[in-house]
PDB file of N, CA and C in Angstrom:
ATOM      1  N   MET A   1       1.262  -0.901  -0.127  1.00  0.00           N
ATOM      2  CA  MET A   1      -0.143  -0.173  -0.085  1.00  0.00           C
ATOM      3  C   MET A   1       0.886   1.464   0.118  1.00  0.00           C
ATOM      4  N   GLN A   2       0.412   2.070  -0.608  1.00  0.00           N
ATOM      5  CA  GLN A   2       1.130   3.250  -0.899  1.00  0.00           C
ATOM      6  C   GLN A   2       0.618   4.702  -0.268  1.00  0.00           C
ATOM      7  N   LEU A   3       1.507   5.352   0.200  1.00  0.00           N
ATOM      8  CA  LEU A   3       0.765   6.284   0.649  1.00  0.00           C
ATOM      9  C   LEU A   3       1.015   7.989  -0.300  1.00  0.00           C
ATOM     10  N   ASN A   4       0.457   8.483  -1.630  1.00  0.00           N
ATOM     11  CA  ASN A   4       0.668   9.528  -2.517  1.00  0.00           C
ATOM     12  C   ASN A   4       0.222  11.074  -1.852  1.00  0.00           C
ATOM     13  N   ILE A   5       0.766  11.553  -1.465  1.00  0.00           N
ATOM     14  CA  ILE A   5      -0.126  12.932  -0.984  1.00  0.00           C
ATOM     15  C   ILE A   5      -0.268  13.825  -2.493  1.00  0.00           C
ATOM     16  N   PHE A   6      -1.616  13.836  -2.356  1.00  0.00           N
ATOM     17  CA  PHE A   6      -1.422  15.426  -3.532  1.00  0.00           C
ATOM     18  C   PHE A   6      -2.422  16.314  -3.134  1.00  0.00           C
ATOM     19  N   TYR A   7      -2.884  17.009  -3.748  1.00  0.00           N
ATOM     20  CA  TYR A   7      -3.720  18.583  -3.202  1.00  0.00           C
ATOM     21  C   TYR A   7      -3.682  19.408  -4.214  1.00  0.00           C
ATOM     22  N   LYS A   8      -4.722  19.779  -4.018  1.00  0.00           N
ATOM     23  CA  LYS A   8      -5.105  20.855  -5.113  1.00  0.00           C
ATOM     24  C   LYS A   8      -5.570  22.231  -4.870  1.00  0.00           C
ATOM     25  N   SER A   9      -4.746  23.234  -5.686  1.00  0.00           N
ATOM     26  CA  SER A   9      -4.803  24.712  -6.027  1.00  0.00           C
ATOM     27  C   SER A   9      -6.192  24.843  -6.185  1.00  0.00           C
ATOM     28  N   THR A  10      -6.722  25.830  -5.498  1.00  0.00           N
ATOM     29  CA  THR A  10      -7.785  26.236  -5.164  1.00  0.00           C
ATOM     30  C   THR A  10      -7.766  28.144  -5.889  1.00  0.00           C
ATOM     31  N   ALA A  11      -6.692  28.260  -6.279  1.00  0.00           N
ATOM     32  CA  ALA A  11      -6.262  29.963  -6.240  1.00  0.00           C
ATOM     33  C   ALA A  11      -6.461  30.255  -7.798  1.00  0.00           C
ATOM     34  N   CYS A  12      -6.522  28.832  -8.432  1.00  0.00           N
ATOM     35  CA  CYS A  12      -6.813  29.523  -9.830  1.00  0.00           C
ATOM     36  C   CYS A  12      -7.861  28.303 -10.240  1.00  0.00           C
ATOM     37  N   GLU A  13      -8.890  28.769  -9.402  1.00  0.00           N
ATOM     38  CA  GLU A  13     -10.276  28.137 -10.088  1.00  0.00           C
ATOM     39  C   GLU A  13     -10.951  28.959 -11.167  1.00  0.00           C
ATOM     40  N   SER A  14     -11.062  28.728 -11.548  1.00  0.00           N
ATOM     41  CA  SER A  14     -11.882  29.140 -13.007  1.00  0.00           C
ATOM     42  C   SER A  14     -13.332  29.294 -13.095  1.00  0.00           C
ATOM     43  N   LYS A  15     -13.720  30.389 -14.103  1.00  0.00           N
ATOM     44  CA  LYS A  15     -15.446  30.101 -13.508  1.00  0.00           C
ATOM     45  C   LYS A  15     -16.067  29.361 -14.472  1.00  0.00           C
ATOM     46  N   SER A  16     -14.940  28.267 -14.722  1.00  0.00           N
ATOM     47  CA  SER A  16     -15.734  27.226 -15.760  1.00  0.00           C
ATOM     48  C   SER A  16     -15.827  25.713 -14.252  1.00  0.00           C
ATOM     49  N   LYS A  17     -15.396  26.119 -13.545  1.00  0.00           N
ATOM     50  CA  LYS A  17     -15.178  25.524 -12.250  1.00  0.00           C
ATOM     51  C   LYS A  17     -14.510  24.053 -12.105  1.00  0.00           C
ATOM     52  N   MET A  18     -13.139  24.500 -12.995  1.00  0.00           N
ATOM     53  CA  MET A  18     -12.360  23.907 -13.812  1.00  0.00           C
ATOM     54  C   MET A  18     -10.889  23.906 -12.731  1.00  0.00           C
ATOM     55  N   THR A  19     -10.276  23.251 -12.124  1.00  0.00           N
ATOM     56  CA  THR A  19     -10.007  23.394 -11.663  1.00  0.00           C
ATOM     57  C   THR A  19      -7.813  23.036 -11.711  1.00  0.00           C
ATOM     58  N   THR A  20      -7.420  23.708 -11.062  1.00  0.00           N
ATOM     59  CA  THR A  20      -5.697  22.745 -12.362  1.00  0.00           C
ATOM     60  C   THR A  20      -5.649  21.583 -11.678  1.00  0.00           C
ATOM     61  N   PRO A  21      -4.939  20.796 -12.310  1.00  0.00           N
ATOM     62  CA  PRO A  21      -4.752  19.739 -11.716  1.00  0.00           C
ATOM     63  C   PRO A  21      -4.088  19.334 -10.760  1.00  0.00           C
ATOM     64  N   VAL A  22      -4.273  18.565 -10.153  1.00  0.00           N
ATOM     65  CA  VAL A  22      -3.690  17.439  -9.542  1.00  0.00           C
ATOM     66  C   VAL A  22      -1.992  17.525  -8.240  1.00  0.00           C
ATOM     67  N   LYS A  23      -1.150  18.088  -7.739  1.00  0.00           N
ATOM     68  CA  LYS A  23       0.201  17.923  -7.628  1.00  0.00           C
ATOM     69  C   LYS A  23       0.745  17.404  -6.914  1.00  0.00           C
ATOM     70  N   GLU A  24       1.604  16.624  -7.438  1.00  0.00           N
ATOM     71  CA  GLU A  24       2.220  15.861  -6.277  1.00  0.00           C
ATOM     72  C   GLU A  24       3.350  16.691  -5.771  1.00  0.00           C
ATOM     73  N   ILE A  25       3.267  16.293  -4.435  1.00  0.00           N
ATOM     74  CA  ILE A  25       4.734  17.146  -3.443  1.00  0.00           C
ATOM     75  C   ILE A  25       5.398  16.132  -2.985  1.00  0.00           C
ATOM     76  N   GLU A  26       6.548  16.932  -2.808  1.00  0.00           N
ATOM     77  CA  GLU A  26       7.869  15.856  -1.461  1.00  0.00           C
ATOM     78  C   GLU A  26       7.604  16.179  -0.564  1.00  0.00           C
ATOM     79  N   ILE A  27       7.403  14.684   0.235  1.00  0.00           N
ATOM     80  CA  ILE A  27       7.072  15.309   1.894  1.00  0.00           C
ATOM     81  C   ILE A  27       8.772  15.210   2.122  1.00  0.00           C
ATOM     82  N   THR A  28       9.687  16.223   2.652  1.00  0.00           N
ATOM     83  CA  THR A  28      10.404  16.388   3.396  1.00  0.00           C
ATOM     84  C   THR A  28      10.370  15.974   5.384  1.00  0.00           C
ATOM     85  N   LYS A  29       9.000  16.156   5.766  1.00  0.00           N
ATOM     86  CA  LYS A  29       9.133  15.897   6.959  1.00  0.00           C
ATOM     87  C   LYS A  29       7.566  15.879   7.574  1.00  0.00           C
ATOM     88  N   VAL A  30       7.821  14.374   8.223  1.00  0.00           N
ATOM     89  CA  VAL A  30       6.387  14.323   9.294  1.00  0.00           C
ATOM     90  C   VAL A  30       6.210  14.441  10.462  1.00  0.00           C
ATOM     91  N   ASN A  31       5.799  14.881  10.819  1.00  0.00           N
ATOM     92  CA  ASN A  31       4.870  14.850  12.379  1.00  0.00           C
ATOM     93  C   ASN A  31       3.372  14.387  12.953  1.00  0.00           C
ATOM     94  N   PHE A  32       3.845  13.299  13.303  1.00  0.00           N
ATOM     95  CA  PHE A  32       2.113  12.921  13.891  1.00  0.00           C
ATOM     96  C   PHE A  32       1.687  13.113  15.647  1.00  0.00           C
ATOM     97  N   VAL A  33       0.372  14.311  14.647  1.00  0.00           N
ATOM     98  CA  VAL A  33      -0.808  14.496  16.077  1.00  0.00           C
ATOM     99  C   VAL A  33      -1.837  14.079  15.949  1.00  0.00           C
ATOM    100  N   GLY A  34      -2.561  13.822  17.034  1.00  0.00           N
ATOM    101  CA  GLY A  34      -3.709  13.399  17.225  1.00  0.00           C
ATOM    102  C   GLY A  34      -4.050  12.138  16.597  1.00  0.00           C
ATOM    103  N   ASN A  35      -4.956  12.440  15.832  1.00  0.00           N
ATOM    104  CA  ASN A  35      -5.349  11.729  14.291  1.00  0.00           C
ATOM    105  C   ASN A  35      -4.794  11.522  12.906  1.00  0.00           C
ATOM    106  N   GLY A  36      -3.846  12.683  13.048  1.00  0.00           N
ATOM    107  CA  GLY A  36      -3.883  12.953  11.821  1.00  0.00           C
ATOM    108  C   GLY A  36      -1.699  12.792  11.398  1.00  0.00           C
ATOM    109  N   ALA A  37      -1.400  13.034  10.531  1.00  0.00           N
ATOM    110  CA  ALA A  37       0.125  13.513   9.803  1.00  0.00           C
ATOM    111  C   ALA A  37      -0.141  14.613   9.693  1.00  0.00           C
ATOM    112  N   MET A  38       1.315  15.420  10.226  1.00  0.00           N
ATOM    113  CA  MET A  38       1.487  16.368   9.141  1.00  0.00           C
ATOM    114  C   MET A  38       3.126  16.378   8.490  1.00  0.00           C
ATOM    115  N   LEU A  39       2.283  17.465   6.882  1.00  0.00           N
ATOM    116  CA  LEU A  39       3.792  16.142   6.236  1.00  0.00           C
ATOM    117  C   LEU A  39       4.521  17.805   5.672  1.00  0.00           C
ATOM    118  N   LEU A  40       5.474  18.026   5.856  1.00  0.00           N
ATOM    119  CA  LEU A  40       6.070  19.161   5.749  1.00  0.00           C
ATOM    120  C   LEU A  40       7.278  18.464   3.952  1.00  0.00           C
ATOM    121  N   SER A  41       6.896  19.926   2.968  1.00  0.00           N
ATOM    122  CA  SER A  41       7.309  19.879   2.027  1.00  0.00           C
ATOM    123  C   SER A  41       7.669  21.189   1.590  1.00  0.00           C
ATOM    124  N   ASP A  42       8.622  21.008   0.781  1.00  0.00           N
ATOM    125  CA  ASP A  42       8.332  22.478  -0.192  1.00  0.00           C
ATOM    126  C   ASP A  42       7.700  23.758  -0.338  1.00  0.00           C
ATOM    127  N   GLU A  43       6.599  22.832  -0.878  1.00  0.00           N
ATOM    128  CA  GLU A  43       4.728  23.124  -0.945  1.00  0.00           C
ATOM    129  C   GLU A  43       4.102  24.280   0.065  1.00  0.00           C
ATOM    130  N   GLY A  44       4.495  23.248   1.105  1.00  0.00           N
ATOM    131  CA  GLY A  44       3.763  24.316   2.321  1.00  0.00           C
ATOM    132  C   GLY A  44       3.159  22.986   3.142  1.00  0.00           C
ATOM    133  N   THR A  45       2.272  22.973   4.060  1.00  0.00           N
ATOM    134  CA  THR A  45       2.799  21.601   5.346  1.00  0.00           C
ATOM    135  C   THR A  45       0.979  21.557   4.745  1.00  0.00           C
ATOM    136  N   PHE A  46       0.691  20.364   5.066  1.00  0.00           N
ATOM    137  CA  PHE A  46      -0.598  19.046   4.400  1.00  0.00           C
ATOM    138  C   PHE A  46      -0.964  18.790   5.684  1.00  0.00           C
ATOM    139  N   ILE A  47      -2.086  18.675   6.843  1.00  0.00           N
ATOM    140  CA  ILE A  47      -2.409  17.302   7.377  1.00  0.00           C
ATOM    141  C   ILE A  47      -3.618  16.507   6.772  1.00  0.00           C
ATOM    142  N   VAL A  48      -3.151  15.194   6.928  1.00  0.00           N
ATOM    143  CA  VAL A  48      -3.980  14.135   6.721  1.00  0.00           C
ATOM    144  C   VAL A  48      -4.342  13.448   7.516  1.00  0.00           C
ATOM    145  N   SER A  49      -5.813  12.822   7.679  1.00  0.00           N
ATOM    146  CA  SER A  49      -6.179  12.022   8.585  1.00  0.00           C
ATOM    147  C   SER A  49      -5.699  11.166   8.851  1.00  0.00           C
ATOM    148  N   LEU A  50      -6.135  10.140   9.545  1.00  0.00           N
ATOM    149  CA  LEU A  50      -5.141   8.608   9.694  1.00  0.00           C
ATOM    150  C   LEU A  50      -6.185   7.545   9.656  1.00  0.00           C
ATOM    151  N   ASP A  51      -7.657   8.102   9.727  1.00  0.00           N
ATOM    152  CA  ASP A  51      -8.730   7.464   9.098  1.00  0.00           C
ATOM    153  C   ASP A  51      -8.769   6.272   8.345  1.00  0.00           C
ATOM    154  N   LYS A  52      -8.149   6.910   7.693  1.00  0.00           N
ATOM    155  CA  LYS A  52      -7.874   5.625   5.801  1.00  0.00           C
ATOM    156  C   LYS A  52      -6.996   4.431   6.274  1.00  0.00           C
ATOM    157  N   PHE A  53      -6.253   5.297   7.164  1.00  0.00           N
ATOM    158  CA  PHE A  53      -4.713   3.839   7.124  1.00  0.00           C
ATOM    159  C   PHE A  53      -4.691   3.359   8.451  1.00  0.00           C
ATOM    160  N   LYS A  54      -5.000   3.132   8.892  1.00  0.00           N
ATOM    161  CA  LYS A  54      -6.159   1.680   9.709  1.00  0.00           C
ATOM    162  C   LYS A  54      -4.741   1.430  10.346  1.00  0.00           C
ATOM    163  N   ALA A  55      -3.640   0.478   9.438  1.00  0.00           N
ATOM    164  CA  ALA A  55      -1.951   0.460   9.864  1.00  0.00           C
ATOM    165  C   ALA A  55      -1.767   1.384  10.664  1.00  0.00           C
ATOM    166  N   ILE A  56      -1.821   2.456  10.170  1.00  0.00           N
ATOM    167  CA  ILE A  56      -0.716   4.012  11.396  1.00  0.00           C
ATOM    168  C   ILE A  56      -2.008   3.815  12.226  1.00  0.00           C
ATOM    169  N   GLU A  57      -2.762   4.007  12.027  1.00  0.00           N
ATOM    170  CA  GLU A  57      -3.323   4.650  13.554  1.00  0.00           C
ATOM    171  C   GLU A  57      -3.461   3.482  14.081  1.00  0.00           C
ATOM    172  N   THR A  58      -3.195   2.280  14.318  1.00  0.00           N
ATOM    173  CA  THR A  58      -3.180   1.858  15.336  1.00  0.00           C
ATOM    174  C   THR A  58      -1.644   1.114  16.294  1.00  0.00           C
ATOM    175  N   LEU A  59      -0.721   2.480  15.294  1.00  0.00           N
ATOM    176  CA  LEU A  59       0.620   2.477  16.458  1.00  0.00           C
ATOM    177  C   LEU A  59       0.845   3.038  17.097  1.00  0.00           C
ATOM    178  N   THR A  60       1.725   2.694  18.106  1.00  0.00           N
ATOM    179  CA  THR A  60       2.108   3.822  19.040  1.00  0.00           C
ATOM    180  C   THR A  60       2.588   4.835  18.844  1.00  0.00           C
ATOM    181  N   PRO A  61       2.684   5.665  19.181  1.00  0.00           N
ATOM    182  CA  PRO A  61       3.024   6.994  19.271  1.00  0.00           C
ATOM    183  C   PRO A  61       4.887   6.570  18.963  1.00  0.00           C
ATOM    184  N   SER A  62       5.451   6.104  19.640  1.00  0.00           N
ATOM    185  CA  SER A  62       7.284   5.400  19.398  1.00  0.00           C
ATOM    186  C   SER A  62       6.851   4.332  17.939  1.00  0.00           C
ATOM    187  N   GLN A  63       5.952   3.492  17.656  1.00  0.00           N
ATOM    188  CA  GLN A  63       6.241   3.031  16.164  1.00  0.00           C
ATOM    189  C   GLN A  63       5.799   3.417  15.546  1.00  0.00           C
ATOM    190  N   LYS A  64       4.872   4.881  15.672  1.00  0.00           N
ATOM    191  CA  LYS A  64       4.662   5.740  14.380  1.00  0.00           C
ATOM    192  C   LYS A  64       5.659   6.628  14.138  1.00  0.00           C
ATOM    193  N   GLU A  65       6.742   7.383  15.261  1.00  0.00           N
ATOM    194  CA  GLU A  65       8.011   7.790  15.197  1.00  0.00           C
ATOM    195  C   GLU A  65       9.408   7.016  14.483  1.00  0.00           C
ATOM    196  N   GLY A  66       8.921   6.200  14.009  1.00  0.00           N
ATOM    197  CA  GLY A  66       9.848   4.670  13.862  1.00  0.00           C
ATOM    198  C   GLY A  66       9.809   4.280  12.536  1.00  0.00           C
ATOM    199  N   PHE A  67       9.953   5.795  11.365  1.00  0.00           N
ATOM    200  CA  PHE A  67       9.293   5.456   9.747  1.00  0.00           C
ATOM    201  C   PHE A  67      10.693   5.776   8.983  1.00  0.00           C
ATOM    202  N   GLU A  68      10.370   5.606   7.539  1.00  0.00           N
ATOM    203  CA  GLU A  68      11.113   6.095   6.550  1.00  0.00           C
ATOM    204  C   GLU A  68      10.841   6.691   5.553  1.00  0.00           C
ATOM    205  N   ILE A  69      10.859   8.204   4.980  1.00  0.00           N
ATOM    206  CA  ILE A  69      10.243   8.740   3.860  1.00  0.00           C
ATOM    207  C   ILE A  69      11.333   8.446   2.492  1.00  0.00           C
ATOM    208  N   ILE A  70      10.571   7.270   1.262  1.00  0.00           N
ATOM    209  CA  ILE A  70      11.147   6.843   0.608  1.00  0.00           C
ATOM    210  C   ILE A  70      10.484   7.675  -0.040  1.00  0.00           C
ATOM    211  N   ASP A  71      11.380   8.592  -1.656  1.00  0.00           N
ATOM    212  CA  ASP A  71      12.124   8.477  -2.865  1.00  0.00           C
ATOM    213  C   ASP A  71      10.959  10.109  -2.218  1.00  0.00           C
ATOM    214  N   GLY A  72      10.657  10.729  -0.893  1.00  0.00           N
ATOM    215  CA  GLY A  72       9.591  12.204  -1.025  1.00  0.00           C
ATOM    216  C   GLY A  72       8.242  11.605  -0.911  1.00  0.00           C
ATOM    217  N   GLU A  73       7.888  10.414  -1.017  1.00  0.00           N
ATOM    218  CA  GLU A  73       6.421  10.458  -1.323  1.00  0.00           C
ATOM    219  C   GLU A  73       6.000   8.959  -0.864  1.00  0.00           C
ATOM    220  N   ASN A  74       6.546   8.146  -0.033  1.00  0.00           N
ATOM    221  CA  ASN A  74       5.565   7.055   0.633  1.00  0.00           C
ATOM    222  C   ASN A  74       7.006   6.581   1.877  1.00  0.00           C
ATOM    223  N   LEU A  75       5.930   7.091   2.870  1.00  0.00           N
ATOM    224  CA  LEU A  75       6.682   6.145   3.997  1.00  0.00           C
ATOM    225  C   LEU A  75       6.110   4.289   4.724  1.00  0.00           C
ATOM    226  N   SER A  76       8.107   4.276   5.448  1.00  0.00           N
ATOM    227  CA  SER A  76       8.447   3.252   5.177  1.00  0.00           C
ATOM    228  C   SER A  76       7.954   3.056   7.104  1.00  0.00           C
ATOM    229  N   PHE A  77       7.403   1.553   7.729  1.00  0.00           N
ATOM    230  CA  PHE A  77       7.493   2.077   8.551  1.00  0.00           C
ATOM    231  C   PHE A  77       8.128   0.698   9.656  1.00  0.00           C
ATOM    232  N   LEU A  78       8.865   1.663  10.582  1.00  0.00           N
ATOM    233  CA  LEU A  78       9.709  -0.205  10.370  1.00  0.00           C
ATOM    234  C   LEU A  78       8.678  -1.456  11.469  1.00  0.00           C
ATOM    235  N   ALA A  79       7.519  -0.957  11.804  1.00  0.00           N
ATOM    236  CA  ALA A  79       6.471  -2.119  12.908  1.00  0.00           C
ATOM    237  C   ALA A  79       5.739  -2.069  12.048  1.00  0.00           C
ATOM    238  N   LEU A  80       5.937  -1.648  10.434  1.00  0.00           N
ATOM    239  CA  LEU A  80       4.830  -2.751   9.505  1.00  0.00           C
ATOM    240  C   LEU A  80       5.200  -3.583   8.774  1.00  0.00           C
ATOM    241  N   ASP A  81       4.532  -4.330   7.882  1.00  0.00           N
ATOM    242  CA  ASP A  81       5.145  -4.841   6.681  1.00  0.00           C
ATOM    243  C   ASP A  81       5.186  -4.492   5.225  1.00  0.00           C
ATOM    244  N   GLU A  82       4.834  -3.848   5.329  1.00  0.00           N
ATOM    245  CA  GLU A  82       4.313  -2.651   4.440  1.00  0.00           C
ATOM    246  C   GLU A  82       5.169  -1.412   4.165  1.00  0.00           C
ATOM    247  N   ASN A  83       4.769  -1.008   2.979  1.00  0.00           N
ATOM    248  CA  ASN A  83       5.491   0.618   2.734  1.00  0.00           C
ATOM    249  C   ASN A  83       3.703   1.819   2.291  1.00  0.00           C
ATOM    250  N   LEU A  84       3.833   2.330   3.316  1.00  0.00           N
ATOM    251  CA  LEU A  84       2.135   3.185   3.109  1.00  0.00           C
ATOM    252  C   LEU A  84       2.771   4.685   2.518  1.00  0.00           C
TER     253      LEU A  84
END
């Protein structure tokens, strides 16, 4: 399972309700806060709810800190057998 983070820029919406293309960001740092993850990148800070990532949600705080960022878009946790 792979966790890719995308965002839409709402500043560039046209009158026809079309939005700019979804842009992939490169994660440089992750902080876990409550039931979410704060992802930092050159594009800004993004909050992601862990509700859809039950495997991460069930980890202890110390297990959540045992991860590696792979290629700026994937998180690999030592306590899990999968990349998210």
